[in-house]
C-alpha atoms as a PDB file:
ATOM      1  CA  MET A   1     -18.736  11.064   8.889  1.00  0.00           C
ATOM      2  CA  SER A   2     -16.221   8.421   8.402  1.00  0.00           C
ATOM      3  CA  LYS A   3     -12.717   9.024   8.158  1.00  0.00           C
ATOM      4  CA  PRO A   4     -11.334   8.677   5.004  1.00  0.00           C
ATOM      5  CA  PRO A   5      -9.224   5.986   4.265  1.00  0.00           C
ATOM      6  CA  GLN A   6      -5.573   6.045   4.983  1.00  0.00           C
ATOM      7  CA  ILE A   7      -2.382   4.406   4.831  1.00  0.00           C
ATOM      8  CA  ILE A   8       0.210   4.328   7.213  1.00  0.00           C
ATOM      9  CA  ALA A   9       4.538   3.907   6.793  1.00  0.00           C
ATOM     10  CA  THR A  10       6.096   3.859   9.622  1.00  0.00           C
ATOM     11  CA  ASP A  11      10.256   4.270   9.534  1.00  0.00           C
ATOM     12  CA  ILE A  12      10.271   3.861   5.696  1.00  0.00           C
ATOM     13  CA  LEU A  13      14.382   3.713   5.253  1.00  0.00           C
ATOM     14  CA  TYR A  14      15.957   5.457   2.017  1.00  0.00           C
ATOM     15  CA  TYR A  15      18.972   4.102   0.494  1.00  0.00           C
ATOM     16  CA  HIS A  16      20.106   7.194  -1.127  1.00  0.00           C
ATOM     17  CA  ASP A  17      18.402  11.329  -1.309  1.00  0.00           C
ATOM     18  CA  ALA A  18      17.097  10.134  -4.918  1.00  0.00           C
ATOM     19  CA  ASP A  19      15.301   7.201  -3.370  1.00  0.00           C
ATOM     20  CA  GLU A  20      13.537   9.702  -0.809  1.00  0.00           C
ATOM     21  CA  ARG A  21      12.500  12.054  -3.552  1.00  0.00           C
ATOM     22  CA  ALA A  22      11.169   9.444  -5.990  1.00  0.00           C
ATOM     23  CA  PHE A  23       8.947   8.139  -2.577  1.00  0.00           C
ATOM     24  CA  PHE A  24       7.554  11.596  -2.407  1.00  0.00           C
ATOM     25  CA  GLU A  25       7.240  12.056  -6.287  1.00  0.00           C
ATOM     26  CA  TRP A  26       5.522   8.851  -6.428  1.00  0.00           C
ATOM     27  CA  LEU A  27       2.770   9.471  -3.667  1.00  0.00           C
ATOM     28  CA  ASP A  28       2.283  13.155  -5.413  1.00  0.00           C
ATOM     29  CA  ARG A  29       1.873  10.983  -8.871  1.00  0.00           C
ATOM     30  CA  MET A  30      -1.211   9.062  -7.076  1.00  0.00           C
ATOM     31  CA  THR A  31      -4.048  10.526  -8.355  1.00  0.00           C
ATOM     32  CA  PHE A  32      -5.926   8.655  -5.333  1.00  0.00           C
ATOM     33  CA  VAL A  33      -4.115  10.493  -2.958  1.00  0.00           C
ATOM     34  CA  ALA A  34      -5.677  13.584  -1.164  1.00  0.00           C
ATOM     35  CA  ASP A  35      -2.683  14.046   1.256  1.00  0.00           C
ATOM     36  CA  TYR A  36       0.422  13.111   3.606  1.00  0.00           C
ATOM     37  CA  TYR A  37       1.193  14.187   6.818  1.00  0.00           C
ATOM     38  CA  GLY A  38       3.991  13.011   9.106  1.00  0.00           C
ATOM     39  CA  GLU A  39       3.965  12.673  13.003  1.00  0.00           C
ATOM     40  CA  VAL A  40       6.952  11.716  14.391  1.00  0.00           C
ATOM     41  CA  ARG A  41       8.409   7.797  12.856  1.00  0.00           C
ATOM     42  CA  ASP A  42       4.875   7.664  10.704  1.00  0.00           C
ATOM     43  CA  LEU A  43       3.960   8.819   7.631  1.00  0.00           C
ATOM     44  CA  PHE A  44      -0.170   9.519   7.126  1.00  0.00           C
ATOM     45  CA  ILE A  45      -1.067   8.914   3.477  1.00  0.00           C
ATOM     46  CA  VAL A  46      -4.860  10.119   2.737  1.00  0.00           C
ATOM     47  CA  LEU A  47      -6.688   8.703   0.178  1.00  0.00           C
ATOM     48  CA  ASN A  48      -9.888  11.052  -1.320  1.00  0.00           C
ATOM     49  CA  ARG A  49     -11.489   7.681  -2.809  1.00  0.00           C
ATOM     50  CA  ALA A  50     -11.702   4.216  -2.143  1.00  0.00           C
ATOM     51  CA  PRO A  51      -8.867   2.368  -4.507  1.00  0.00           C
ATOM     52  CA  THR A  52      -9.431   0.791  -7.955  1.00  0.00           C
ATOM     53  CA  ASP A  53      -8.263  -2.391  -8.765  1.00  0.00           C
ATOM     54  CA  ASP A  54      -5.198  -0.576 -10.840  1.00  0.00           C
ATOM     55  CA  ASP A  55      -4.698   1.766  -7.533  1.00  0.00           C
ATOM     56  CA  MET A  56      -4.762  -1.289  -5.458  1.00  0.00           C
ATOM     57  CA  TRP A  57      -1.798  -2.793  -7.982  1.00  0.00           C
ATOM     58  CA  GLU A  58       0.040   0.655  -7.596  1.00  0.00           C
ATOM     59  CA  ILE A  59      -0.725   0.449  -3.694  1.00  0.00           C
ATOM     60  CA  ILE A  60       0.733  -2.863  -3.321  1.00  0.00           C
ATOM     61  CA  GLY A  61       4.116  -1.938  -5.472  1.00  0.00           C
ATOM     62  CA  PHE A  62       4.343   1.152  -4.074  1.00  0.00           C
ATOM     63  CA  CYS A  63       4.334  -0.655  -0.502  1.00  0.00           C
ATOM     64  CA  ARG A  64       6.148  -3.391  -1.595  1.00  0.00           C
ATOM     65  CA  ARG A  65       9.076  -1.436  -2.772  1.00  0.00           C
ATOM     66  CA  TYR A  66       9.325   0.897  -0.070  1.00  0.00           C
ATOM     67  CA  GLY A  67       8.593  -1.851   2.800  1.00  0.00           C
ATOM     68  CA  VAL A  68       5.102  -0.078   3.972  1.00  0.00           C
ATOM     69  CA  ASP A  69       3.446  -2.481   5.994  1.00  0.00           C
ATOM     70  CA  MET A  70       1.015  -4.441   3.826  1.00  0.00           C
ATOM     71  CA  LYS A  71      -1.795  -5.863   6.018  1.00  0.00           C
ATOM     72  CA  GLN A  72      -3.120  -2.822   6.305  1.00  0.00           C
ATOM     73  CA  LEU A  73      -4.340  -3.272   2.923  1.00  0.00           C
ATOM     74  CA  ALA A  74      -6.619  -5.645   3.150  1.00  0.00           C
ATOM     75  CA  GLN A  75      -9.104  -2.955   4.357  1.00  0.00           C
ATOM     76  CA  PHE A  76     -10.012  -2.040   0.948  1.00  0.00           C
ATOM     77  CA  GLU A  77     -10.641  -5.687  -0.337  1.00  0.00           C
ATOM     78  CA  THR A  78     -14.037  -5.535  -1.982  1.00  0.00           C
ATOM     79  CA  PRO A  79     -16.039  -8.199  -3.736  1.00  0.00           C
ATOM     80  CA  ALA A  80     -14.888  -7.027  -6.588  1.00  0.00           C
ATOM     81  CA  ASN A  81     -11.405  -7.579  -6.549  1.00  0.00           C
ATOM     82  CA  THR A  82     -11.451 -10.403  -3.665  1.00  0.00           C
ATOM     83  CA  ALA A  83     -10.635 -12.737  -5.789  1.00  0.00           C
ATOM     84  CA  TRP A  84      -7.676 -11.377  -7.593  1.00  0.00           C
ATOM     85  CA  LEU A  85      -6.440  -9.814  -4.221  1.00  0.00           C
ATOM     86  CA  ARG A  86      -6.217 -13.504  -2.358  1.00  0.00           C
ATOM     87  CA  ASP A  87      -4.895 -15.192  -5.118  1.00  0.00           C
ATOM     88  CA  PRO A  88      -2.742 -17.575  -3.095  1.00  0.00           C
ATOM     89  CA  THR A  89      -0.281 -17.923  -6.213  1.00  0.00           C
ATOM     90  CA  MET A  90       0.443 -13.838  -5.951  1.00  0.00           C
ATOM     91  CA  ILE A  91       3.560 -13.070  -3.560  1.00  0.00           C
ATOM     92  CA  TRP A  92       1.186 -10.227  -1.442  1.00  0.00           C
ATOM     93  CA  CYS A  93      -1.462 -12.688  -0.388  1.00  0.00           C
ATOM     94  CA  GLU A  94       1.140 -13.627   2.540  1.00  0.00           C
ATOM     95  CA  GLU A  95       2.014 -10.058   3.240  1.00  0.00           C
ATOM     96  CA  ILE A  96      -1.605  -8.556   2.981  1.00  0.00           C
ATOM     97  CA  PHE A  97      -3.688 -11.256   4.743  1.00  0.00           C
ATOM     98  CA  GLY A  98      -1.232 -14.078   6.403  1.00  0.00           C
ATOM     99  CA  ILE A  99      -2.067 -16.753   4.049  1.00  0.00           C
ATOM    100  CA  PRO A 100       1.025 -18.394   2.744  1.00  0.00           C
ATOM    101  CA  SER A 101       1.451 -17.773  -1.272  1.00  0.00           C
ATOM    102  CA  LYS A 102       2.309 -20.654  -2.996  1.00  0.00           C
ATOM    103  CA  ALA A 103       5.151 -18.241  -4.933  1.00  0.00           C
ATOM    104  CA  SER A 104       6.612 -17.565  -2.347  1.00  0.00           C
ATOM    105  CA  GLY A 105       7.134 -21.378  -1.840  1.00  0.00           C
ATOM    106  CA  SER A 106       4.799 -22.570   0.959  1.00  0.00           C
END
């Protein structure tokens, strides 16, 4: 049996108590998040399914907002989302795949 997909958030910086609360409230609202748990400096975010396109937009926003390493989002690339996920005009393209994006001025 394969492990459920997950994202690992390491050393998240919260600028205020309300920011930390917003982080966990956002996690709790994501319908595709099954669970999360911490170990030392890492927060393991376990998904209950492969993310849909809408889920991916939310994950990208969440990761960018809180500085979660976006390279791990490459695991969610599919034939159905590869065109927009790898779009070099989008800022996240470089953050996920290391491909310089036109949006970042490269």
